[in-house]
Amino acid sequence: VQLQAFGGGLVQPGGSLGLSCAASGSISSIYVMSWYRQAPGKQRELVATTLSGGSTNYAGFAKGRFTISRDGAKETVILQMNSVNPDDTAVYYCYVRPSYYSALSYWGQGTQVTVSS
């Protein structure tokens, strides 16, 4: 399984940015698809998760500003970030756990998001 993330870059405070991550390989109906982030000098933290049944979960800082969704046909997870602020500056990583029955999981390579004027 390979994960390819797209969409990072520089965005102004208050702006919006979308990230996407496509999974490829012998994989379908992925159980868990998530976005994590890691800011300089900080631990990696969960941003948002979507399960194959459609439920979603957000970190407190993401609620009301970020939206996670998936395109099941393309095995792609999308993170739409609105009203960003400098604290959102980090490397964003996608994460998938393909099966409910196995703890096997995969990480994408990370994409840099910088919020600055």
C-alpha atoms as a PDB file:
ATOM      1  CA  VAL A   1       0.000   0.000   0.000  1.00  0.00           C
ATOM      2  CA  GLN A   2       1.267   3.431  -0.910  1.00  0.00           C
ATOM      3  CA  LEU A   3      -0.094   6.777   0.196  1.00  0.00           C
ATOM      4  CA  GLN A   4       0.437   9.950  -1.806  1.00  0.00           C
ATOM      5  CA  ALA A   5      -0.480  13.268  -0.255  1.00  0.00           C
ATOM      6  CA  PHE A   6      -1.218  16.450  -2.170  1.00  0.00           C
ATOM      7  CA  GLY A   7      -2.168  20.006  -1.447  1.00  0.00           C
ATOM      8  CA  GLY A   8       0.189  21.471   1.099  1.00  0.00           C
ATOM      9  CA  GLY A   9       1.610  24.939   0.759  1.00  0.00           C
ATOM     10  CA  LEU A  10       1.529  28.490   2.035  1.00  0.00           C
ATOM     11  CA  VAL A  11      -1.763  30.047   3.069  1.00  0.00           C
ATOM     12  CA  GLN A  12      -2.614  33.313   4.760  1.00  0.00           C
ATOM     13  CA  PRO A  13      -4.263  33.427   8.177  1.00  0.00           C
ATOM     14  CA  GLY A  14      -7.994  33.132   7.806  1.00  0.00           C
ATOM     15  CA  GLY A  15      -7.642  31.368   4.480  1.00  0.00           C
ATOM     16  CA  SER A  16      -8.482  27.872   3.316  1.00  0.00           C
ATOM     17  CA  LEU A  17      -6.512  24.925   2.067  1.00  0.00           C
ATOM     18  CA  GLY A  18      -7.414  21.419   1.019  1.00  0.00           C
ATOM     19  CA  LEU A  19      -5.289  18.320   1.413  1.00  0.00           C
ATOM     20  CA  SER A  20      -5.862  14.994  -0.251  1.00  0.00           C
ATOM     21  CA  CYS A  21      -4.249  11.610   0.136  1.00  0.00           C
ATOM     22  CA  ALA A  22      -4.690   8.757  -2.285  1.00  0.00           C
ATOM     23  CA  ALA A  23      -4.111   5.141  -1.341  1.00  0.00           C
ATOM     24  CA  SER A  24      -2.946   2.718  -3.975  1.00  0.00           C
ATOM     25  CA  GLY A  25      -2.232  -0.979  -4.021  1.00  0.00           C
ATOM     26  CA  SER A  26      -4.323  -4.009  -3.208  1.00  0.00           C
ATOM     27  CA  ILE A  27      -6.706  -2.140  -0.997  1.00  0.00           C
ATOM     28  CA  SER A  28     -10.383  -1.244  -0.862  1.00  0.00           C
ATOM     29  CA  SER A  29     -13.011  -0.208   1.658  1.00  0.00           C
ATOM     30  CA  ILE A  30     -10.386   1.135   4.019  1.00  0.00           C
ATOM     31  CA  TYR A  31     -11.494   0.956   7.654  1.00  0.00           C
ATOM     32  CA  VAL A  32      -9.742   4.040   9.053  1.00  0.00           C
ATOM     33  CA  MET A  33      -8.464   7.074   7.175  1.00  0.00           C
ATOM     34  CA  SER A  34      -7.002   9.906   9.194  1.00  0.00           C
ATOM     35  CA  TRP A  35      -4.954  13.046   9.098  1.00  0.00           C
ATOM     36  CA  TYR A  36      -2.294  13.790  11.700  1.00  0.00           C
ATOM     37  CA  ARG A  37       0.018  16.742  11.989  1.00  0.00           C
ATOM     38  CA  GLN A  38       3.348  17.513  13.575  1.00  0.00           C
ATOM     39  CA  ALA A  39       4.570  21.006  14.283  1.00  0.00           C
ATOM     40  CA  PRO A  40       8.259  21.741  14.906  1.00  0.00           C
ATOM     41  CA  GLY A  41       9.280  20.622  18.374  1.00  0.00           C
ATOM     42  CA  LYS A  42       5.924  19.003  19.057  1.00  0.00           C
ATOM     43  CA  GLN A  43       4.547  15.508  19.024  1.00  0.00           C
ATOM     44  CA  ARG A  44       2.452  14.226  16.176  1.00  0.00           C
ATOM     45  CA  GLU A  45      -1.221  14.714  16.913  1.00  0.00           C
ATOM     46  CA  LEU A  46      -4.477  13.504  15.444  1.00  0.00           C
ATOM     47  CA  VAL A  47      -6.406  16.045  13.387  1.00  0.00           C
ATOM     48  CA  ALA A  48      -9.390  14.061  12.156  1.00  0.00           C
ATOM     49  CA  THR A  49     -10.538  10.523  11.395  1.00  0.00           C
ATOM     50  CA  THR A  50     -13.143   8.990   9.149  1.00  0.00           C
ATOM     51  CA  LEU A  51     -14.267   5.383   9.395  1.00  0.00           C
ATOM     52  CA  SER A  52     -15.566   3.222   6.597  1.00  0.00           C
ATOM     53  CA  GLY A  53     -19.078   3.376   8.046  1.00  0.00           C
ATOM     54  CA  GLY A  54     -19.115   7.147   7.583  1.00  0.00           C
ATOM     55  CA  SER A  55     -18.491   8.388  11.097  1.00  0.00           C
ATOM     56  CA  THR A  56     -15.948  11.126  11.710  1.00  0.00           C
ATOM     57  CA  ASN A  57     -14.017  12.408  14.686  1.00  0.00           C
ATOM     58  CA  TYR A  58     -12.126  15.666  15.126  1.00  0.00           C
ATOM     59  CA  ALA A  59      -9.559  17.053  17.494  1.00  0.00           C
ATOM     60  CA  GLY A  60     -10.846  19.995  19.460  1.00  0.00           C
ATOM     61  CA  PHE A  61      -8.810  22.509  17.475  1.00  0.00           C
ATOM     62  CA  ALA A  62     -10.237  21.170  14.222  1.00  0.00           C
ATOM     63  CA  LYS A  63     -13.933  21.166  15.102  1.00  0.00           C
ATOM     64  CA  GLY A  64     -15.873  23.738  13.160  1.00  0.00           C
ATOM     65  CA  ARG A  65     -12.925  24.632  10.932  1.00  0.00           C
ATOM     66  CA  PHE A  66     -11.758  21.410   9.300  1.00  0.00           C
ATOM     67  CA  THR A  67     -13.752  18.798   7.424  1.00  0.00           C
ATOM     68  CA  ILE A  68     -12.568  15.291   6.669  1.00  0.00           C
ATOM     69  CA  SER A  69     -14.165  13.280   3.906  1.00  0.00           C
ATOM     70  CA  ARG A  70     -13.376  10.330   1.714  1.00  0.00           C
ATOM     71  CA  ASP A  71     -13.892   9.340  -1.861  1.00  0.00           C
ATOM     72  CA  GLY A  72     -14.428   5.636  -1.491  1.00  0.00           C
ATOM     73  CA  ALA A  73     -14.214   4.900  -5.168  1.00  0.00           C
ATOM     74  CA  LYS A  74     -10.747   6.409  -5.292  1.00  0.00           C
ATOM     75  CA  GLU A  75      -9.652   5.404  -1.783  1.00  0.00           C
ATOM     76  CA  THR A  76      -8.845   9.031  -1.129  1.00  0.00           C
ATOM     77  CA  VAL A  77      -9.135  11.005   2.079  1.00  0.00           C
ATOM     78  CA  ILE A  78      -9.567  14.759   1.937  1.00  0.00           C
ATOM     79  CA  LEU A  79      -9.026  17.381   4.610  1.00  0.00           C
ATOM     80  CA  GLN A  80     -10.581  20.773   3.983  1.00  0.00           C
ATOM     81  CA  MET A  81      -9.126  23.384   6.306  1.00  0.00           C
ATOM     82  CA  ASN A  82     -10.871  26.725   6.744  1.00  0.00           C
ATOM     83  CA  SER A  83     -10.118  29.736   8.934  1.00  0.00           C
ATOM     84  CA  VAL A  84      -6.540  28.582   9.386  1.00  0.00           C
ATOM     85  CA  ASN A  85      -4.196  30.319  11.786  1.00  0.00           C
ATOM     86  CA  PRO A  86      -0.433  30.188  12.371  1.00  0.00           C
ATOM     87  CA  ASP A  87      -0.899  27.413  14.950  1.00  0.00           C
ATOM     88  CA  ASP A  88      -2.006  25.175  12.100  1.00  0.00           C
ATOM     89  CA  THR A  89       1.482  25.323  10.609  1.00  0.00           C
ATOM     90  CA  ALA A  90       2.785  21.767  10.561  1.00  0.00           C
ATOM     91  CA  VAL A  91       3.603  18.790   8.426  1.00  0.00           C
ATOM     92  CA  TYR A  92       0.362  16.950   7.785  1.00  0.00           C
ATOM     93  CA  TYR A  93       0.397  13.171   7.437  1.00  0.00           C
ATOM     94  CA  CYS A  94      -2.285  10.861   6.182  1.00  0.00           C
ATOM     95  CA  TYR A  95      -2.751   7.529   7.893  1.00  0.00           C
ATOM     96  CA  VAL A  96      -4.758   4.479   6.944  1.00  0.00           C
ATOM     97  CA  ARG A  97      -5.639   1.292   8.702  1.00  0.00           C
ATOM     98  CA  PRO A  98      -7.112  -0.872   5.993  1.00  0.00           C
ATOM     99  CA  SER A  99      -8.869  -3.515   8.050  1.00  0.00           C
ATOM    100  CA  TYR A 100     -10.855  -3.653  11.257  1.00  0.00           C
ATOM    101  CA  TYR A 101      -9.404  -7.120  11.839  1.00  0.00           C
ATOM    102  CA  SER A 102      -5.750  -6.103  11.670  1.00  0.00           C
ATOM    103  CA  ALA A 103      -3.669  -3.387  13.322  1.00  0.00           C
ATOM    104  CA  LEU A 104      -1.550  -3.058  10.167  1.00  0.00           C
ATOM    105  CA  SER A 105      -1.406   0.590   9.155  1.00  0.00           C
ATOM    106  CA  TYR A 106       0.383   2.932   6.797  1.00  0.00           C
ATOM    107  CA  TRP A 107       1.603   6.520   6.793  1.00  0.00           C
ATOM    108  CA  GLY A 108       1.920   8.969   3.954  1.00  0.00           C
ATOM    109  CA  GLN A 109       5.071  10.987   3.398  1.00  0.00           C
ATOM    110  CA  GLY A 110       3.745  14.217   4.869  1.00  0.00           C
ATOM    111  CA  THR A 111       2.946  17.549   3.291  1.00  0.00           C
ATOM    112  CA  GLN A 112       3.951  20.931   4.694  1.00  0.00           C
ATOM    113  CA  VAL A 113       1.284  23.478   5.534  1.00  0.00           C
ATOM    114  CA  THR A 114       2.495  26.949   6.457  1.00  0.00           C
ATOM    115  CA  VAL A 115       0.105  29.627   7.647  1.00  0.00           C
ATOM    116  CA  SER A 116       1.687  33.033   7.388  1.00  0.00           C
ATOM    117  CA  SER A 117       1.030  36.495   6.073  1.00  0.00           C
END
